Amino acid sequence: MKEKTLADVSTGPDWLLYVVIVLFAALSVILLMGKGAWLLAGYNTASEKEKREYDEKKLCRVMGGGMALITVLLMIMERFEDVLPAASAHIFGIVVLLDCIVMCVLGNTICRK
């Protein structure tokens, strides 16, 4: 019996994933340029005193790098959905979760002044 691929188990239109990839790529570029701190939940609602504790540009770049990794993973999943086994979705999910954890840790360590 043939192993199921991502294409076999995915539902929904492909154009929707393309829209998400373009949106994530645009957000990644904005954040990697050190702009867009207003996009960061928690930071944009922090008081001025709390914001002074962080290097805003570095924080944006860390979050942009994490977003870029997620964007690349989505592109890989879309491009190779006919080849990748269905179980690879679990691996990609774990990588995204670890990426989010690393972004949180780096955001609260190296991004502090």
C-alpha atoms as a PDB file:
ATOM      1  CA  MET A   1       0.000   0.000   0.000  1.00  0.00           C
ATOM      2  CA  LYS A   2       1.269   3.438  -0.959  1.00  0.00           C
ATOM      3  CA  GLU A   3       2.099   5.822   1.888  1.00  0.00           C
ATOM      4  CA  LYS A   4      -0.077   8.931   2.004  1.00  0.00           C
ATOM      5  CA  THR A   5       1.496  12.240   1.087  1.00  0.00           C
ATOM      6  CA  LEU A   6       0.733  15.741   2.317  1.00  0.00           C
ATOM      7  CA  ALA A   7      -1.295  16.316  -0.858  1.00  0.00           C
ATOM      8  CA  ASP A   8      -3.491  13.328   0.029  1.00  0.00           C
ATOM      9  CA  VAL A   9      -4.403  14.638   3.470  1.00  0.00           C
ATOM     10  CA  SER A  10      -4.470  18.384   2.849  1.00  0.00           C
ATOM     11  CA  THR A  11      -7.800  20.098   2.484  1.00  0.00           C
ATOM     12  CA  GLY A  12      -8.739  23.504   1.225  1.00  0.00           C
ATOM     13  CA  PRO A  13      -7.652  25.528  -1.762  1.00  0.00           C
ATOM     14  CA  ASP A  14      -3.971  25.961  -2.598  1.00  0.00           C
ATOM     15  CA  TRP A  15      -4.416  29.695  -3.249  1.00  0.00           C
ATOM     16  CA  LEU A  16      -5.143  30.229   0.437  1.00  0.00           C
ATOM     17  CA  LEU A  17      -1.755  28.824   1.418  1.00  0.00           C
ATOM     18  CA  TYR A  18      -0.102  31.052  -1.191  1.00  0.00           C
ATOM     19  CA  VAL A  19      -1.795  34.091   0.367  1.00  0.00           C
ATOM     20  CA  VAL A  20      -0.536  33.056   3.822  1.00  0.00           C
ATOM     21  CA  ILE A  21       3.004  32.533   2.491  1.00  0.00           C
ATOM     22  CA  VAL A  22       3.044  35.982   0.839  1.00  0.00           C
ATOM     23  CA  LEU A  23       1.656  37.590   4.010  1.00  0.00           C
ATOM     24  CA  PHE A  24       4.220  35.848   6.234  1.00  0.00           C
ATOM     25  CA  ALA A  25       7.033  36.764   3.829  1.00  0.00           C
ATOM     26  CA  ALA A  26       6.002  40.429   3.868  1.00  0.00           C
ATOM     27  CA  LEU A  27       5.820  40.447   7.676  1.00  0.00           C
ATOM     28  CA  SER A  28       9.215  38.740   7.874  1.00  0.00           C
ATOM     29  CA  VAL A  29      10.823  41.375   5.665  1.00  0.00           C
ATOM     30  CA  ILE A  30       9.281  44.219   7.672  1.00  0.00           C
ATOM     31  CA  LEU A  31      10.491  42.722  10.951  1.00  0.00           C
ATOM     32  CA  LEU A  32      13.953  41.828   9.614  1.00  0.00           C
ATOM     33  CA  MET A  33      14.405  45.474   8.640  1.00  0.00           C
ATOM     34  CA  GLY A  34      13.953  46.338  12.320  1.00  0.00           C
ATOM     35  CA  LYS A  35      10.576  47.953  11.732  1.00  0.00           C
ATOM     36  CA  GLY A  36       7.083  46.880  12.711  1.00  0.00           C
ATOM     37  CA  ALA A  37       7.377  46.667  16.479  1.00  0.00           C
ATOM     38  CA  TRP A  38       3.675  47.516  16.544  1.00  0.00           C
ATOM     39  CA  LEU A  39       3.083  44.007  15.121  1.00  0.00           C
ATOM     40  CA  LEU A  40       4.568  42.304  18.177  1.00  0.00           C
ATOM     41  CA  ALA A  41       1.882  41.315  20.648  1.00  0.00           C
ATOM     42  CA  GLY A  42       2.886  42.222  24.167  1.00  0.00           C
ATOM     43  CA  TYR A  43       5.497  44.722  23.080  1.00  0.00           C
ATOM     44  CA  ASN A  44       3.052  47.102  21.448  1.00  0.00           C
ATOM     45  CA  THR A  45       0.836  47.081  24.553  1.00  0.00           C
ATOM     46  CA  ALA A  46       3.707  47.489  27.014  1.00  0.00           C
ATOM     47  CA  SER A  47       4.192  50.711  28.910  1.00  0.00           C
ATOM     48  CA  GLU A  48       6.939  53.105  27.855  1.00  0.00           C
ATOM     49  CA  LYS A  49       8.959  52.054  30.902  1.00  0.00           C
ATOM     50  CA  GLU A  50       8.781  48.386  29.875  1.00  0.00           C
ATOM     51  CA  LYS A  51       9.595  49.214  26.247  1.00  0.00           C
ATOM     52  CA  ARG A  52      12.786  51.001  27.318  1.00  0.00           C
ATOM     53  CA  GLU A  53      14.058  47.670  28.716  1.00  0.00           C
ATOM     54  CA  TYR A  54      14.228  46.154  25.198  1.00  0.00           C
ATOM     55  CA  ASP A  55      16.287  46.846  22.106  1.00  0.00           C
ATOM     56  CA  GLU A  56      13.392  47.345  19.681  1.00  0.00           C
ATOM     57  CA  LYS A  57      15.404  46.795  16.505  1.00  0.00           C
ATOM     58  CA  LYS A  58      16.986  43.581  17.798  1.00  0.00           C
ATOM     59  CA  LEU A  59      13.604  42.329  19.016  1.00  0.00           C
ATOM     60  CA  CYS A  60      12.082  42.949  15.578  1.00  0.00           C
ATOM     61  CA  ARG A  61      14.951  41.123  13.890  1.00  0.00           C
ATOM     62  CA  VAL A  62      14.678  38.097  16.178  1.00  0.00           C
ATOM     63  CA  MET A  63      10.943  37.841  15.544  1.00  0.00           C
ATOM     64  CA  GLY A  64      11.480  38.416  11.815  1.00  0.00           C
ATOM     65  CA  GLY A  65      13.989  35.582  11.684  1.00  0.00           C
ATOM     66  CA  GLY A  66      11.532  33.265  13.367  1.00  0.00           C
ATOM     67  CA  MET A  67       8.782  34.325  10.974  1.00  0.00           C
ATOM     68  CA  ALA A  68      11.129  33.778   8.022  1.00  0.00           C
ATOM     69  CA  LEU A  69      11.801  30.208   9.167  1.00  0.00           C
ATOM     70  CA  ILE A  70       8.073  29.509   9.386  1.00  0.00           C
ATOM     71  CA  THR A  71       7.599  31.042   5.928  1.00  0.00           C
ATOM     72  CA  VAL A  72      10.315  28.814   4.453  1.00  0.00           C
ATOM     73  CA  LEU A  73       8.770  25.740   6.079  1.00  0.00           C
ATOM     74  CA  LEU A  74       5.382  26.609   4.575  1.00  0.00           C
ATOM     75  CA  MET A  75       6.972  27.050   1.145  1.00  0.00           C
ATOM     76  CA  ILE A  76       8.706  23.671   1.438  1.00  0.00           C
ATOM     77  CA  MET A  77       5.468  22.000   2.463  1.00  0.00           C
ATOM     78  CA  GLU A  78       3.589  23.574  -0.463  1.00  0.00           C
ATOM     79  CA  ARG A  79       6.270  22.884  -3.044  1.00  0.00           C
ATOM     80  CA  PHE A  80       6.869  19.260  -2.059  1.00  0.00           C
ATOM     81  CA  GLU A  81       3.384  18.261  -0.911  1.00  0.00           C
ATOM     82  CA  ASP A  82       3.247  15.504  -3.547  1.00  0.00           C
ATOM     83  CA  VAL A  83       6.499  13.954  -2.292  1.00  0.00           C
ATOM     84  CA  LEU A  84       6.544  14.495   1.480  1.00  0.00           C
ATOM     85  CA  PRO A  85       4.838  11.852   3.593  1.00  0.00           C
ATOM     86  CA  ALA A  86       1.766  12.913   5.550  1.00  0.00           C
ATOM     87  CA  ALA A  87       3.652  12.361   8.815  1.00  0.00           C
ATOM     88  CA  SER A  88       6.032  15.190   7.884  1.00  0.00           C
ATOM     89  CA  ALA A  89       3.300  17.632   8.943  1.00  0.00           C
ATOM     90  CA  HIS A  90       3.973  16.557  12.529  1.00  0.00           C
ATOM     91  CA  ILE A  91       7.680  17.228  12.108  1.00  0.00           C
ATOM     92  CA  PHE A  92       7.014  20.666  10.643  1.00  0.00           C
ATOM     93  CA  GLY A  93       4.635  21.392  13.513  1.00  0.00           C
ATOM     94  CA  ILE A  94       7.289  20.464  16.072  1.00  0.00           C
ATOM     95  CA  VAL A  95       9.856  22.661  14.286  1.00  0.00           C
ATOM     96  CA  VAL A  96       7.419  25.611  14.331  1.00  0.00           C
ATOM     97  CA  LEU A  97       6.761  25.060  18.039  1.00  0.00           C
ATOM     98  CA  LEU A  98      10.503  24.962  18.791  1.00  0.00           C
ATOM     99  CA  ASP A  99      10.985  28.083  16.660  1.00  0.00           C
ATOM    100  CA  CYS A 100       8.362  29.912  18.720  1.00  0.00           C
ATOM    101  CA  ILE A 101      10.036  28.817  21.960  1.00  0.00           C
ATOM    102  CA  VAL A 102      13.440  30.000  20.696  1.00  0.00           C
ATOM    103  CA  MET A 103      11.939  33.355  19.640  1.00  0.00           C
ATOM    104  CA  CYS A 104      10.439  33.830  23.108  1.00  0.00           C
ATOM    105  CA  VAL A 105      13.681  32.918  24.863  1.00  0.00           C
ATOM    106  CA  LEU A 106      15.805  35.152  22.626  1.00  0.00           C
ATOM    107  CA  GLY A 107      13.283  37.964  22.879  1.00  0.00           C
ATOM    108  CA  ASN A 108      13.551  37.889  26.652  1.00  0.00           C
ATOM    109  CA  THR A 109      17.336  37.451  26.853  1.00  0.00           C
ATOM    110  CA  ILE A 110      19.465  38.944  24.085  1.00  0.00           C
ATOM    111  CA  CYS A 111      16.920  41.627  23.193  1.00  0.00           C
ATOM    112  CA  ARG A 112      16.988  43.178  26.668  1.00  0.00           C
ATOM    113  CA  LYS A 113      19.185  46.223  27.155  1.00  0.00           C
END
